[in-house]
Amino acid sequence: MAKKVIKKRKLKLTNFLFALGFFIVFVFSIFLVLKIPVKNIIVLNTKYLNDDYILSLGKIRDYPKFFLTRSSIVEKEIKKSKYIKDVKLRKKMWFVFELNVSENHPLFFDSNQNKYIFDNGLGVDEDNISRDFRVPRLLNYIPDKKYSKFILGMAKVKDNTISKISDIEYKPNDYDKDRFLLYMDDGNMVYLTLTKFKMINHYNEVLKQLDNHKGILYLDNGNHFQIME
């Protein structure tokens, strides 16, 4: 009876070592890539908040690992600030973080609450940031139902006009309960109603027609100017 010969397969040691080496290099390369830190952080669309404040809020001031940093967590931390309306973090090529920030818009300082009020109705105490706001001071109390409308009206006023108003007084009369008196930095006064607040945006145009006179501009009932002697 003939013997059955079984051929043993020889393990190609060279191929095995090559595959093992490739696997080790591949894993190590991934490890190194994951360890790469952020190379640059760009903050967009801020007006009164500085970059350090934003980076500190998001806990990315020390330039963390690019791939291991979750955008949603950074955004959540930044949006905890009352100064922030929204923020979006985009990861871009060459290990760059781009933060698109939307700030809350300050409208006035409420003397009754001792707070700076934003266009969303939130308020903040005076601090290193808010004390630099160039906004008017609300001198007296406004009933709650009219207060929210007042905020909506102020939100329609442009920044370059808001900065010209020093004080605002709620001043209703027998004919109009929505009447306000605005004290301007240049010494003029302006009467407005809640429905006509955006008309104050034309203040600079009106000034050109006053021939340097000081007085009271009535925008609450008609459009006329009373010169103060």
Protein backbone atom coordinates (compact mmCIF):
# COMPACT_ATOMS: atom_id res chain seq x y z
CA MET A 1 0.00 0.00 0.00
CA ALA A 2 1.45 3.35 -1.03
CA LYS A 3 2.11 5.93 1.64
CA LYS A 4 0.09 9.17 1.48
CA VAL A 5 2.42 12.15 1.50
CA ILE A 6 1.09 15.29 3.22
CA LYS A 7 2.82 18.49 2.13
CA LYS A 8 3.26 21.07 4.92
CA ARG A 9 2.60 24.71 3.98
CA LYS A 10 5.52 26.87 4.83
CA LEU A 11 4.58 30.11 6.54
CA LYS A 12 6.03 32.98 4.63
CA LEU A 13 7.63 34.81 7.53
CA THR A 14 8.63 37.79 5.40
CA ASN A 15 5.04 38.54 4.35
CA PHE A 16 3.82 38.19 7.92
CA LEU A 17 6.43 40.59 9.25
CA PHE A 18 5.62 43.07 6.47
CA ALA A 19 1.89 42.96 7.26
CA LEU A 20 2.56 43.33 10.98
CA GLY A 21 4.88 46.26 10.39
CA PHE A 22 2.32 47.95 8.13
CA PHE A 23 -0.38 47.51 10.77
CA ILE A 24 1.82 48.99 13.48
CA VAL A 25 2.74 51.98 11.31
CA PHE A 26 -0.93 52.51 10.38
CA VAL A 27 -2.09 52.48 14.02
CA PHE A 28 0.76 54.73 15.12
CA SER A 29 -0.02 57.19 12.29
CA ILE A 30 -3.66 57.42 13.40
CA PHE A 31 -2.48 57.99 16.96
CA LEU A 32 -0.21 60.83 15.85
CA VAL A 33 -2.93 62.43 13.72
CA LEU A 34 -5.40 62.36 16.62
CA LYS A 35 -2.81 64.12 18.78
CA ILE A 36 -2.41 67.06 16.38
CA PRO A 37 -3.53 70.28 18.12
CA VAL A 38 -5.51 73.12 16.60
CA LYS A 39 -3.12 75.35 14.66
CA ASN A 40 -5.29 78.47 14.45
CA ILE A 41 -8.62 79.74 15.82
CA ILE A 42 -10.59 82.41 13.95
CA VAL A 43 -13.43 84.29 15.68
CA LEU A 44 -15.90 86.02 13.34
CA ASN A 45 -18.62 88.68 13.71
CA THR A 46 -17.90 89.92 17.24
CA LYS A 47 -18.39 93.61 18.02
CA TYR A 48 -17.77 94.00 21.75
CA LEU A 49 -16.50 90.58 22.90
CA ASN A 50 -12.79 89.87 22.52
CA ASP A 51 -11.33 86.61 21.26
CA ASP A 52 -9.83 85.57 24.62
CA TYR A 53 -13.27 85.76 26.24
CA ILE A 54 -14.76 83.47 23.55
CA LEU A 55 -11.90 80.97 23.70
CA SER A 56 -12.01 80.83 27.49
CA LEU A 57 -15.76 80.14 27.44
CA GLY A 58 -15.27 77.30 24.96
CA LYS A 59 -12.28 75.94 26.91
CA ILE A 60 -10.14 75.99 23.78
CA ARG A 61 -7.73 78.73 24.75
CA ASP A 62 -4.88 76.20 25.03
CA TYR A 63 -5.47 74.92 21.48
CA PRO A 64 -6.78 71.40 22.15
CA LYS A 65 -6.56 68.32 19.91
CA PHE A 66 -8.20 69.09 16.58
CA PHE A 67 -9.98 65.77 15.94
CA LEU A 68 -10.75 64.91 19.56
CA THR A 69 -12.54 68.21 20.28
CA ARG A 70 -16.30 67.97 19.78
CA SER A 71 -17.85 71.04 18.15
CA SER A 72 -21.18 70.60 19.96
CA ILE A 73 -19.51 70.70 23.39
CA VAL A 74 -17.54 73.86 22.56
CA GLU A 75 -20.70 75.56 21.23
CA LYS A 76 -22.69 74.56 24.32
CA GLU A 77 -20.09 76.06 26.67
CA ILE A 78 -19.88 79.34 24.76
CA LYS A 79 -23.67 79.76 24.62
CA LYS A 80 -23.84 79.70 28.42
CA SER A 81 -22.84 83.38 28.35
CA LYS A 82 -25.69 85.92 28.38
CA TYR A 83 -23.68 87.92 25.88
CA ILE A 84 -23.93 85.15 23.28
CA LYS A 85 -27.02 84.59 21.14
CA ASP A 86 -25.57 81.76 19.05
CA VAL A 87 -22.27 80.27 17.89
CA LYS A 88 -21.21 77.74 15.28
CA LEU A 89 -17.84 75.98 15.22
CA ARG A 90 -16.52 74.80 11.87
CA LYS A 91 -13.43 72.63 11.54
CA LYS A 92 -11.50 73.67 8.45
CA MET A 93 -8.46 72.46 6.54
CA TRP A 94 -5.00 72.73 8.05
CA PHE A 95 -6.39 72.22 11.57
CA VAL A 96 -8.23 75.53 11.85
CA PHE A 97 -11.24 76.26 14.08
CA GLU A 98 -13.62 78.92 12.78
CA LEU A 99 -16.10 80.31 15.32
CA ASN A 100 -19.03 82.25 13.88
CA VAL A 101 -20.44 84.22 16.82
CA SER A 102 -23.75 86.03 17.14
CA GLU A 103 -23.77 88.44 20.09
CA ASN A 104 -26.81 89.66 21.97
CA HIS A 105 -27.49 93.28 21.03
CA PRO A 106 -27.47 95.76 23.97
CA LEU A 107 -30.25 98.36 23.81
CA PHE A 108 -30.32 100.35 27.05
CA PHE A 109 -29.45 100.45 30.73
CA ASP A 110 -32.51 99.94 32.95
CA SER A 111 -32.06 102.12 36.05
CA ASN A 112 -34.78 100.22 37.91
CA GLN A 113 -33.15 96.84 37.46
CA ASN A 114 -29.57 98.13 37.35
CA LYS A 115 -29.01 95.97 34.29
CA TYR A 116 -28.11 96.36 30.65
CA ILE A 117 -30.97 94.99 28.56
CA PHE A 118 -30.50 93.08 25.29
CA ASP A 119 -32.84 92.75 22.33
CA ASN A 120 -33.93 89.31 23.58
CA GLY A 121 -35.09 90.80 26.90
CA LEU A 122 -32.25 89.33 28.97
CA GLY A 123 -30.22 91.61 31.22
CA VAL A 124 -26.67 91.64 32.62
CA ASP A 125 -25.10 93.50 35.51
CA GLU A 126 -22.41 96.04 34.92
CA ASP A 127 -19.01 94.40 34.43
CA ASN A 128 -15.83 94.84 32.40
CA ILE A 129 -17.76 94.13 29.21
CA SER A 130 -21.10 95.87 29.68
CA ARG A 131 -19.68 99.12 31.09
CA ASP A 132 -18.30 99.89 27.63
CA PHE A 133 -21.73 99.73 25.99
CA ARG A 134 -22.77 103.05 24.43
CA VAL A 135 -26.47 102.80 25.14
CA PRO A 136 -29.04 105.19 26.69
CA ARG A 137 -30.28 104.98 30.25
CA LEU A 138 -33.94 104.26 30.94
CA LEU A 139 -34.81 106.62 33.78
CA ASN A 140 -38.14 105.35 35.07
CA TYR A 141 -40.47 102.38 35.30
CA ILE A 142 -42.43 101.10 32.29
CA PRO A 143 -45.49 98.87 32.80
CA ASP A 144 -44.74 95.23 31.94
CA LYS A 145 -47.03 95.04 28.91
CA LYS A 146 -45.43 98.11 27.39
CA TYR A 147 -41.90 97.13 28.45
CA SER A 148 -41.74 94.22 25.98
CA LYS A 149 -43.01 96.52 23.20
CA PHE A 150 -40.43 99.11 24.21
CA ILE A 151 -37.69 96.50 23.75
CA LEU A 152 -39.05 95.65 20.29
CA GLY A 153 -39.10 99.34 19.41
CA MET A 154 -35.53 99.91 20.61
CA ALA A 155 -34.37 96.88 18.62
CA LYS A 156 -35.33 98.79 15.47
CA VAL A 157 -33.01 101.69 16.30
CA LYS A 158 -29.63 101.59 14.57
CA ASP A 159 -26.44 101.49 16.64
CA ASN A 160 -25.17 104.84 15.37
CA THR A 161 -28.44 106.43 16.54
CA ILE A 162 -28.62 104.60 19.89
CA SER A 163 -25.18 105.98 20.73
CA LYS A 164 -26.55 109.54 20.35
CA ILE A 165 -29.29 109.02 22.99
CA SER A 166 -28.25 109.72 26.58
CA ASP A 167 -31.50 109.08 28.51
CA ILE A 168 -35.01 107.80 27.88
CA GLU A 169 -38.07 108.61 29.97
CA TYR A 170 -41.47 106.94 29.78
CA LYS A 171 -43.75 109.97 29.58
CA PRO A 172 -47.39 109.12 28.83
CA ASN A 173 -50.06 111.79 28.64
CA ASP A 174 -53.85 111.81 28.51
CA TYR A 175 -53.83 111.18 24.77
CA ASP A 176 -51.10 108.55 24.41
CA LYS A 177 -49.97 105.98 26.97
CA ASP A 178 -47.14 104.81 24.68
CA ARG A 179 -45.26 108.11 24.72
CA PHE A 180 -41.52 108.44 25.44
CA LEU A 181 -39.11 111.34 25.72
CA LEU A 182 -35.57 110.86 24.44
CA TYR A 183 -32.77 113.13 25.67
CA MET A 184 -30.09 113.40 23.00
CA ASP A 185 -26.38 113.93 23.63
CA ASP A 186 -26.43 117.18 21.65
CA GLY A 187 -29.01 118.78 23.97
CA ASN A 188 -32.11 118.19 21.86
CA MET A 189 -35.14 116.22 23.01
CA VAL A 190 -37.37 113.93 20.97
CA TYR A 191 -40.90 112.71 21.71
CA LEU A 192 -41.75 109.29 20.28
CA THR A 193 -44.41 106.62 20.60
CA LEU A 194 -43.90 102.86 20.55
CA THR A 195 -45.20 102.57 17.00
CA LYS A 196 -42.81 105.25 15.72
CA PHE A 197 -39.55 104.30 17.39
CA LYS A 198 -37.74 103.50 14.16
CA MET A 199 -38.31 107.10 13.02
CA ILE A 200 -35.46 108.16 15.30
CA ASN A 201 -33.11 106.54 12.75
CA HIS A 202 -33.66 109.68 10.62
CA TYR A 203 -32.39 111.94 13.40
CA ASN A 204 -29.14 112.79 11.60
CA GLU A 205 -31.08 113.89 8.54
CA VAL A 206 -33.34 116.10 10.67
CA LEU A 207 -30.33 117.74 12.36
CA LYS A 208 -29.20 119.16 9.03
CA GLN A 209 -32.45 121.13 8.81
CA LEU A 210 -32.27 122.66 12.32
CA ASP A 211 -29.51 125.19 11.60
CA ASN A 212 -27.78 124.36 14.90
CA HIS A 213 -30.88 125.27 16.92
CA LYS A 214 -31.65 123.36 20.12
CA GLY A 215 -35.16 122.28 20.94
CA ILE A 216 -37.79 119.58 21.05
CA LEU A 217 -38.57 117.35 18.10
CA TYR A 218 -42.11 115.98 18.18
CA LEU A 219 -42.37 112.69 16.34
CA ASP A 220 -45.22 111.37 18.48
CA ASN A 221 -47.88 113.54 16.85
CA GLY A 222 -46.86 114.96 13.52
CA ASN A 223 -43.29 115.98 12.71
CA HIS A 224 -42.42 119.43 14.02
CA PHE A 225 -39.60 121.07 15.92
CA GLN A 226 -39.94 123.58 18.78
CA ILE A 227 -36.91 125.81 19.26
CA MET A 228 -35.80 126.34 22.86
CA GLU A 229 -34.58 129.90 23.43
